[in-house]
Amino acid sequence: MDYMDLPGGRSPDYEDVERIKAEVKRQRRERNREDKRWEKVRKKQRKWTKQQRKARQERLQRDWEYTEERRRERGARAQET
């Protein structure tokens, strides 16, 4: 018996193959959606990290300027006495 003799002219496995293909396609879409979601999260984390780094750099700069200013004042006071 040839599979062309069956109703619809398809092999009996055709539905299984189509179902498997559909499942694979669905999983791929889901994975891509998940990847996009995580990419957004990573992007926000990079932005946050960049902001934190910049803020830290500014704090260090202010601290350094303050320290230099105090050092100069102490040096000037030491010379007065």
Foldseek 3Di string as FASTA:
>chain_A
DQCCPDPPRDHPCVVVVVVVVVVVVVVVVVVVVVVVVVVVVVVVVVVVVVVVVVVVVVVVVVVVVVVVVVVVVVVVVVVVD
